[in-house]
Amino acid sequence: MDAIFVLRRRVDLAGAQRSGHAFVMVLDWSKAFDSINPESMLAGLRRFGLTEHVLGVIAAVYAGRDFRVRDCSAESSSRQ
């Protein structure tokens, strides 16, 4: 709900300004961590003209990916 609120607010603000432009990027990260090639994704986003700063932030999400499963008091070992 927060993301939708922020998006609507940005669209409203863009409409109130002279330029009337709003740039929005939506990422669907469901299953992204185990099915996406981060280098290919970053290359594609670079072609869309994202700044190196934004690309760095997105790349940081995918750097050193590992997970653990926790169930009540039990926790699995770390896996990539």
N, C-alpha and C. Protein backbone atom coordinates (compact mmCIF):
# COMPACT_ATOMS: atom_id res chain seq x y z
N MET A 1 0.81 -1.19 0.00
CA MET A 1 0.00 0.00 0.00
C MET A 1 0.86 1.26 0.00
N ASP A 2 1.98 1.23 0.73
CA ASP A 2 2.85 2.40 0.78
C ASP A 2 3.40 2.73 -0.60
N ALA A 3 3.80 1.70 -1.36
CA ALA A 3 4.36 1.94 -2.69
C ALA A 3 3.32 2.56 -3.61
N ILE A 4 2.08 2.12 -3.51
CA ILE A 4 1.01 2.69 -4.34
C ILE A 4 0.77 4.15 -3.95
N PHE A 5 0.79 4.44 -2.66
CA PHE A 5 0.61 5.82 -2.20
C PHE A 5 1.72 6.71 -2.76
N VAL A 6 2.95 6.26 -2.66
CA VAL A 6 4.08 7.05 -3.15
C VAL A 6 3.96 7.28 -4.65
N LEU A 7 3.60 6.24 -5.39
CA LEU A 7 3.43 6.37 -6.84
C LEU A 7 2.34 7.38 -7.18
N ARG A 8 1.21 7.27 -6.53
CA ARG A 8 0.12 8.21 -6.79
C ARG A 8 0.53 9.64 -6.45
N ARG A 9 1.25 9.80 -5.37
CA ARG A 9 1.71 11.14 -4.97
C ARG A 9 2.64 11.73 -6.02
N ARG A 10 3.58 10.89 -6.54
CA ARG A 10 4.51 11.36 -7.58
C ARG A 10 3.75 11.75 -8.85
N VAL A 11 2.77 10.97 -9.23
CA VAL A 11 1.97 11.28 -10.43
C VAL A 11 1.22 12.59 -10.21
N ASP A 12 0.62 12.76 -9.03
CA ASP A 12 -0.09 14.00 -8.73
C ASP A 12 0.84 15.21 -8.78
N LEU A 13 2.05 15.07 -8.20
CA LEU A 13 3.01 16.18 -8.22
C LEU A 13 3.47 16.48 -9.64
N ALA A 14 3.69 15.46 -10.44
CA ALA A 14 4.11 15.69 -11.83
C ALA A 14 3.02 16.41 -12.60
N GLY A 15 1.78 16.05 -12.35
CA GLY A 15 0.66 16.72 -13.02
C GLY A 15 0.53 18.17 -12.63
N ALA A 16 0.95 18.53 -11.42
CA ALA A 16 0.86 19.90 -10.95
C ALA A 16 1.99 20.77 -11.45
N GLN A 17 3.07 20.15 -11.95
CA GLN A 17 4.21 20.91 -12.46
C GLN A 17 4.04 21.19 -13.94
N ARG A 18 4.82 22.13 -14.43
CA ARG A 18 4.74 22.50 -15.84
C ARG A 18 5.12 21.35 -16.77
N SER A 19 6.19 20.65 -16.42
CA SER A 19 6.66 19.58 -17.31
C SER A 19 5.66 18.43 -17.39
N GLY A 20 5.03 18.12 -16.28
CA GLY A 20 4.05 17.05 -16.28
C GLY A 20 4.64 15.67 -16.50
N HIS A 21 5.95 15.52 -16.27
CA HIS A 21 6.60 14.24 -16.49
C HIS A 21 6.86 13.53 -15.17
N ALA A 22 6.66 12.23 -15.17
CA ALA A 22 7.03 11.39 -14.03
C ALA A 22 7.68 10.14 -14.59
N PHE A 23 8.79 9.76 -14.02
CA PHE A 23 9.48 8.55 -14.45
C PHE A 23 9.32 7.51 -13.35
N VAL A 24 8.85 6.35 -13.74
CA VAL A 24 8.56 5.30 -12.77
C VAL A 24 9.19 4.00 -13.25
N MET A 25 9.84 3.31 -12.34
CA MET A 25 10.36 1.99 -12.66
C MET A 25 9.78 1.02 -11.63
N VAL A 26 9.18 -0.05 -12.11
CA VAL A 26 8.58 -1.04 -11.23
C VAL A 26 9.32 -2.35 -11.42
N LEU A 27 9.79 -2.92 -10.34
CA LEU A 27 10.48 -4.20 -10.38
C LEU A 27 9.63 -5.24 -9.66
N ASP A 28 9.37 -6.34 -10.33
CA ASP A 28 8.68 -7.46 -9.71
C ASP A 28 9.75 -8.43 -9.26
N TRP A 29 10.04 -8.46 -7.97
CA TRP A 29 11.14 -9.26 -7.46
C TRP A 29 10.72 -10.64 -6.99
N SER A 30 9.47 -11.03 -7.26
CA SER A 30 9.08 -12.38 -6.85
C SER A 30 9.89 -13.38 -7.65
N LYS A 31 10.50 -14.28 -6.96
CA LYS A 31 11.37 -15.32 -7.53
C LYS A 31 12.61 -14.74 -8.20
N ALA A 32 12.87 -13.46 -8.05
CA ALA A 32 14.00 -12.83 -8.73
C ALA A 32 15.34 -13.33 -8.22
N PHE A 33 15.42 -13.66 -6.95
CA PHE A 33 16.71 -13.99 -6.37
C PHE A 33 17.25 -15.34 -6.84
N ASP A 34 16.37 -16.23 -7.29
CA ASP A 34 16.86 -17.52 -7.73
C ASP A 34 16.73 -17.74 -9.23
N SER A 35 16.20 -16.78 -9.96
CA SER A 35 15.96 -17.03 -11.39
C SER A 35 16.51 -15.97 -12.32
N ILE A 36 17.13 -14.94 -11.80
CA ILE A 36 17.58 -13.85 -12.67
C ILE A 36 19.11 -13.79 -12.70
N ASN A 37 19.62 -13.43 -13.86
CA ASN A 37 21.06 -13.21 -14.01
C ASN A 37 21.30 -11.72 -13.73
N PRO A 38 21.90 -11.38 -12.59
CA PRO A 38 22.06 -9.97 -12.22
C PRO A 38 22.83 -9.15 -13.26
N GLU A 39 23.85 -9.74 -13.88
CA GLU A 39 24.64 -9.00 -14.87
C GLU A 39 23.78 -8.63 -16.08
N SER A 40 22.95 -9.58 -16.54
CA SER A 40 22.06 -9.30 -17.67
C SER A 40 21.02 -8.24 -17.32
N MET A 41 20.48 -8.35 -16.11
CA MET A 41 19.49 -7.38 -15.68
C MET A 41 20.09 -5.98 -15.62
N LEU A 42 21.29 -5.85 -15.06
CA LEU A 42 21.94 -4.54 -14.96
C LEU A 42 22.27 -3.99 -16.34
N ALA A 43 22.69 -4.86 -17.26
CA ALA A 43 22.97 -4.40 -18.63
C ALA A 43 21.70 -3.86 -19.28
N GLY A 44 20.58 -4.55 -19.06
CA GLY A 44 19.31 -4.08 -19.61
C GLY A 44 18.88 -2.76 -19.01
N LEU A 45 19.03 -2.63 -17.69
CA LEU A 45 18.67 -1.37 -17.04
C LEU A 45 19.58 -0.24 -17.47
N ARG A 46 20.84 -0.55 -17.73
CA ARG A 46 21.79 0.46 -18.22
C ARG A 46 21.33 0.98 -19.59
N ARG A 47 20.84 0.07 -20.44
CA ARG A 47 20.34 0.48 -21.76
C ARG A 47 19.13 1.39 -21.65
N PHE A 48 18.36 1.24 -20.56
CA PHE A 48 17.21 2.13 -20.33
C PHE A 48 17.65 3.50 -19.83
N GLY A 49 18.94 3.66 -19.51
CA GLY A 49 19.45 4.97 -19.13
C GLY A 49 19.50 5.25 -17.64
N LEU A 50 19.42 4.21 -16.81
CA LEU A 50 19.54 4.42 -15.38
C LEU A 50 20.95 4.91 -15.05
N THR A 51 21.04 5.75 -14.05
CA THR A 51 22.34 6.29 -13.65
C THR A 51 23.16 5.19 -12.96
N GLU A 52 24.47 5.40 -12.92
CA GLU A 52 25.35 4.43 -12.28
C GLU A 52 25.04 4.31 -10.78
N HIS A 53 24.61 5.41 -10.17
CA HIS A 53 24.24 5.36 -8.76
C HIS A 53 23.07 4.40 -8.54
N VAL A 54 22.02 4.54 -9.33
CA VAL A 54 20.85 3.67 -9.20
C VAL A 54 21.23 2.23 -9.52
N LEU A 55 22.04 2.03 -10.56
CA LEU A 55 22.49 0.68 -10.89
C LEU A 55 23.29 0.07 -9.75
N GLY A 56 24.10 0.89 -9.08
CA GLY A 56 24.87 0.40 -7.94
C GLY A 56 23.98 -0.04 -6.79
N VAL A 57 22.92 0.71 -6.55
CA VAL A 57 21.98 0.35 -5.48
C VAL A 57 21.31 -0.98 -5.80
N ILE A 58 20.87 -1.14 -7.05
CA ILE A 58 20.23 -2.39 -7.45
C ILE A 58 21.23 -3.55 -7.41
N ALA A 59 22.46 -3.31 -7.86
CA ALA A 59 23.49 -4.36 -7.83
C ALA A 59 23.78 -4.80 -6.41
N ALA A 60 23.72 -3.87 -5.46
CA ALA A 60 23.99 -4.21 -4.06
C ALA A 60 22.97 -5.19 -3.51
N VAL A 61 21.75 -5.12 -4.00
CA VAL A 61 20.71 -6.05 -3.55
C VAL A 61 21.08 -7.48 -3.94
N TYR A 62 21.73 -7.64 -5.09
CA TYR A 62 22.06 -8.97 -5.60
C TYR A 62 23.46 -9.44 -5.23
N ALA A 63 24.24 -8.62 -4.58
CA ALA A 63 25.62 -8.99 -4.22
C ALA A 63 25.61 -9.90 -2.99
N GLY A 64 26.38 -10.98 -3.05
CA GLY A 64 26.51 -11.87 -1.90
C GLY A 64 25.20 -12.46 -1.44
N ARG A 65 24.38 -12.91 -2.38
CA ARG A 65 23.06 -13.43 -2.03
C ARG A 65 23.19 -14.77 -1.30
N ASP A 66 22.60 -14.86 -0.16
CA ASP A 66 22.48 -16.13 0.53
C ASP A 66 21.21 -16.09 1.38
N PHE A 67 20.80 -17.27 1.85
CA PHE A 67 19.58 -17.32 2.63
C PHE A 67 19.70 -18.39 3.71
N ARG A 68 18.82 -18.29 4.68
CA ARG A 68 18.65 -19.28 5.74
C ARG A 68 17.16 -19.46 5.95
N VAL A 69 16.78 -20.63 6.39
CA VAL A 69 15.39 -20.88 6.72
C VAL A 69 15.29 -20.98 8.24
N ARG A 70 14.38 -20.21 8.80
CA ARG A 70 14.18 -20.21 10.24
C ARG A 70 12.75 -20.65 10.53
N ASP A 71 12.60 -21.63 11.40
CA ASP A 71 11.29 -22.12 11.79
C ASP A 71 11.27 -22.24 13.30
N CYS A 72 10.54 -21.38 13.94
CA CYS A 72 10.52 -21.29 15.41
C CYS A 72 11.94 -21.08 15.91
N SER A 73 12.50 -22.05 16.61
CA SER A 73 13.84 -21.86 17.16
C SER A 73 14.92 -22.54 16.33
N ALA A 74 14.55 -23.26 15.28
CA ALA A 74 15.54 -23.96 14.42
C ALA A 74 15.89 -23.08 13.23
N GLU A 75 17.17 -23.14 12.84
CA GLU A 75 17.63 -22.35 11.71
C GLU A 75 18.59 -23.21 10.87
N SER A 76 18.41 -23.15 9.56
CA SER A 76 19.27 -23.92 8.66
C SER A 76 20.62 -23.24 8.49
N SER A 77 21.53 -23.95 7.87
CA SER A 77 22.82 -23.32 7.53
C SER A 77 22.61 -22.34 6.38
N SER A 78 23.55 -21.46 6.18
CA SER A 78 23.48 -20.46 5.12
C SER A 78 23.78 -21.11 3.77
N ARG A 79 22.99 -20.77 2.76
CA ARG A 79 23.18 -21.30 1.41
C ARG A 79 23.03 -20.19 0.39
N GLN A 80 23.72 -20.35 -0.73
CA GLN A 80 23.60 -19.34 -1.80
C GLN A 80 22.36 -19.59 -2.62
